[in-house]
Every structure is written in structure tokens, then in C-alpha cells.
Amino acid sequence: MYKIETFTKKDADMNKIKKAILDKTGMVPEVFDDGTHYVVNQKLTLETLREIVQCDHNILEVTGEYIGNVGLKESEHMYM
């Protein structure tokens, strides 16, 4: 899982950006900073990342970080 953050110009259409992110990722983004900062947590492929970056000319930057298997418990093996 990755946390993907998208930053846009101040005059960008917030509803258009939200819809584009929803269409590309299947996730509704959280919106911060007066509609210029969008965040989703999701599995990520290089193709999905490319689509997010190229979806609108109002996008200034896309950043992200690996957040692991949020909500998923990994199996643990103990040897005695």
C-alpha cells in the first residue's frame, strides 16, 4: 500500500480533480489545503501512477510513500 499525495494549482477545479483520481484509482481522495492537496491510500502500479500524473495540466506534483500492508495482518512464523 502507498499513500499518494497530489498537489494542484489553486485555480484547479476540485470536483474535476477528485473525479479524475476516483476514475484512475477507484478511491475517493481526502482533500486538504483549500482543494490543492489530495490524498489516497492504495495499491500502486507504475501505470496507475503515470495516469494520475498525466490526468490534468493543473497537477503540480505527485508524491508518495510506502505505508505497508495497512489493515492486513501478516502471518508470523515462530520456530521453537
C-alpha atoms as a PDB file:
ATOM      1  CA  MET A   1       0.000   0.000   0.000  1.00  0.00           C
ATOM      2  CA  TYR A   2       1.125   3.516  -0.781  1.00  0.00           C
ATOM      3  CA  LYS A   3      -0.019   6.951   0.353  1.00  0.00           C
ATOM      4  CA  ILE A   4      -0.261   9.030  -2.833  1.00  0.00           C
ATOM      5  CA  GLU A   5      -0.410  12.813  -2.498  1.00  0.00           C
ATOM      6  CA  THR A   6      -1.320  15.035  -5.432  1.00  0.00           C
ATOM      7  CA  PHE A   7      -0.780  18.801  -5.334  1.00  0.00           C
ATOM      8  CA  THR A   8      -2.564  21.129  -7.768  1.00  0.00           C
ATOM      9  CA  LYS A   9      -2.713  24.791  -8.709  1.00  0.00           C
ATOM     10  CA  LYS A  10      -5.026  26.963  -6.604  1.00  0.00           C
ATOM     11  CA  ASP A  11      -7.402  27.604  -9.501  1.00  0.00           C
ATOM     12  CA  ALA A  12      -7.859  23.915 -10.380  1.00  0.00           C
ATOM     13  CA  ASP A  13     -11.416  22.547 -10.452  1.00  0.00           C
ATOM     14  CA  MET A  14     -11.596  20.487  -7.237  1.00  0.00           C
ATOM     15  CA  ASN A  15     -14.513  18.335  -8.439  1.00  0.00           C
ATOM     16  CA  LYS A  16     -12.741  17.572 -11.714  1.00  0.00           C
ATOM     17  CA  ILE A  17      -9.538  16.544  -9.889  1.00  0.00           C
ATOM     18  CA  LYS A  18     -11.449  14.402  -7.368  1.00  0.00           C
ATOM     19  CA  LYS A  19     -13.341  12.668 -10.198  1.00  0.00           C
ATOM     20  CA  ALA A  20     -10.138  12.057 -12.155  1.00  0.00           C
ATOM     21  CA  ILE A  21      -8.461  10.492  -9.096  1.00  0.00           C
ATOM     22  CA  LEU A  22     -11.557   8.381  -8.394  1.00  0.00           C
ATOM     23  CA  ASP A  23     -11.701   7.232 -12.034  1.00  0.00           C
ATOM     24  CA  LYS A  24      -7.987   6.320 -12.099  1.00  0.00           C
ATOM     25  CA  THR A  25      -7.634   4.759  -8.653  1.00  0.00           C
ATOM     26  CA  GLY A  26     -11.113   3.679  -7.588  1.00  0.00           C
ATOM     27  CA  MET A  27     -10.571   5.646  -4.376  1.00  0.00           C
ATOM     28  CA  VAL A  28     -12.191   8.907  -3.249  1.00  0.00           C
ATOM     29  CA  PRO A  29      -9.354  11.232  -2.193  1.00  0.00           C
ATOM     30  CA  GLU A  30      -9.202  13.208   1.021  1.00  0.00           C
ATOM     31  CA  VAL A  31      -8.875  16.911   0.177  1.00  0.00           C
ATOM     32  CA  PHE A  32      -6.747  19.382   2.140  1.00  0.00           C
ATOM     33  CA  ASP A  33      -5.339  22.920   1.844  1.00  0.00           C
ATOM     34  CA  ASP A  34      -8.346  24.582   0.190  1.00  0.00           C
ATOM     35  CA  GLY A  35      -8.579  21.974  -2.562  1.00  0.00           C
ATOM     36  CA  THR A  36      -4.927  21.873  -3.625  1.00  0.00           C
ATOM     37  CA  HIS A  37      -3.809  18.694  -1.809  1.00  0.00           C
ATOM     38  CA  TYR A  38      -5.396  15.272  -2.457  1.00  0.00           C
ATOM     39  CA  VAL A  39      -4.511  12.029  -0.640  1.00  0.00           C
ATOM     40  CA  VAL A  40      -5.412   8.384  -1.301  1.00  0.00           C
ATOM     41  CA  ASN A  41      -4.074   5.149   0.180  1.00  0.00           C
ATOM     42  CA  GLN A  42      -3.966   2.327  -2.336  1.00  0.00           C
ATOM     43  CA  LYS A  43      -2.058  -0.404  -4.065  1.00  0.00           C
ATOM     44  CA  LEU A  44       0.009   1.196  -6.798  1.00  0.00           C
ATOM     45  CA  THR A  45       1.345   0.227 -10.188  1.00  0.00           C
ATOM     46  CA  LEU A  46       3.600   2.290 -12.406  1.00  0.00           C
ATOM     47  CA  GLU A  47       0.764   2.538 -14.934  1.00  0.00           C
ATOM     48  CA  THR A  48      -1.638   3.953 -12.322  1.00  0.00           C
ATOM     49  CA  LEU A  49       0.976   6.476 -11.203  1.00  0.00           C
ATOM     50  CA  ARG A  50       1.548   7.575 -14.806  1.00  0.00           C
ATOM     51  CA  GLU A  51      -2.209   8.042 -15.306  1.00  0.00           C
ATOM     52  CA  ILE A  52      -2.506  10.184 -12.162  1.00  0.00           C
ATOM     53  CA  VAL A  53       0.359  12.436 -13.229  1.00  0.00           C
ATOM     54  CA  GLN A  54      -0.963  12.867 -16.779  1.00  0.00           C
ATOM     55  CA  CYS A  55      -4.662  13.305 -15.949  1.00  0.00           C
ATOM     56  CA  ASP A  56      -4.688  17.120 -15.731  1.00  0.00           C
ATOM     57  CA  HIS A  57      -2.424  20.042 -16.575  1.00  0.00           C
ATOM     58  CA  ASN A  58      -3.258  21.615 -13.182  1.00  0.00           C
ATOM     59  CA  ILE A  59      -1.232  18.996 -11.299  1.00  0.00           C
ATOM     60  CA  LEU A  60       1.997  20.442  -9.919  1.00  0.00           C
ATOM     61  CA  GLU A  61       3.422  17.446  -8.065  1.00  0.00           C
ATOM     62  CA  VAL A  62       2.661  13.853  -7.122  1.00  0.00           C
ATOM     63  CA  THR A  63       4.448  12.317  -4.158  1.00  0.00           C
ATOM     64  CA  GLY A  64       4.007   9.174  -2.156  1.00  0.00           C
ATOM     65  CA  GLU A  65       5.389   6.778   0.337  1.00  0.00           C
ATOM     66  CA  TYR A  66       5.150   3.099   1.082  1.00  0.00           C
ATOM     67  CA  ILE A  67       2.909   2.533   4.082  1.00  0.00           C
ATOM     68  CA  GLY A  68       2.971  -1.267   4.174  1.00  0.00           C
ATOM     69  CA  ASN A  69       0.016  -3.583   4.481  1.00  0.00           C
ATOM     70  CA  VAL A  70      -2.352  -1.232   6.266  1.00  0.00           C
ATOM     71  CA  GLY A  71      -5.138  -3.205   7.881  1.00  0.00           C
ATOM     72  CA  LEU A  72      -3.716  -6.542   6.824  1.00  0.00           C
ATOM     73  CA  LYS A  73      -2.100  -8.794   9.348  1.00  0.00           C
ATOM     74  CA  GLU A  74       0.944 -10.546   8.021  1.00  0.00           C
ATOM     75  CA  SER A  75       1.427 -14.137   9.062  1.00  0.00           C
ATOM     76  CA  GLU A  76       4.039 -14.739  11.700  1.00  0.00           C
ATOM     77  CA  HIS A  77       6.069 -17.906  11.895  1.00  0.00           C
ATOM     78  CA  MET A  78       7.575 -18.883  15.196  1.00  0.00           C
ATOM     79  CA  TYR A  79      10.061 -21.729  15.484  1.00  0.00           C
ATOM     80  CA  MET A  80      10.760 -23.341  18.827  1.00  0.00           C
END
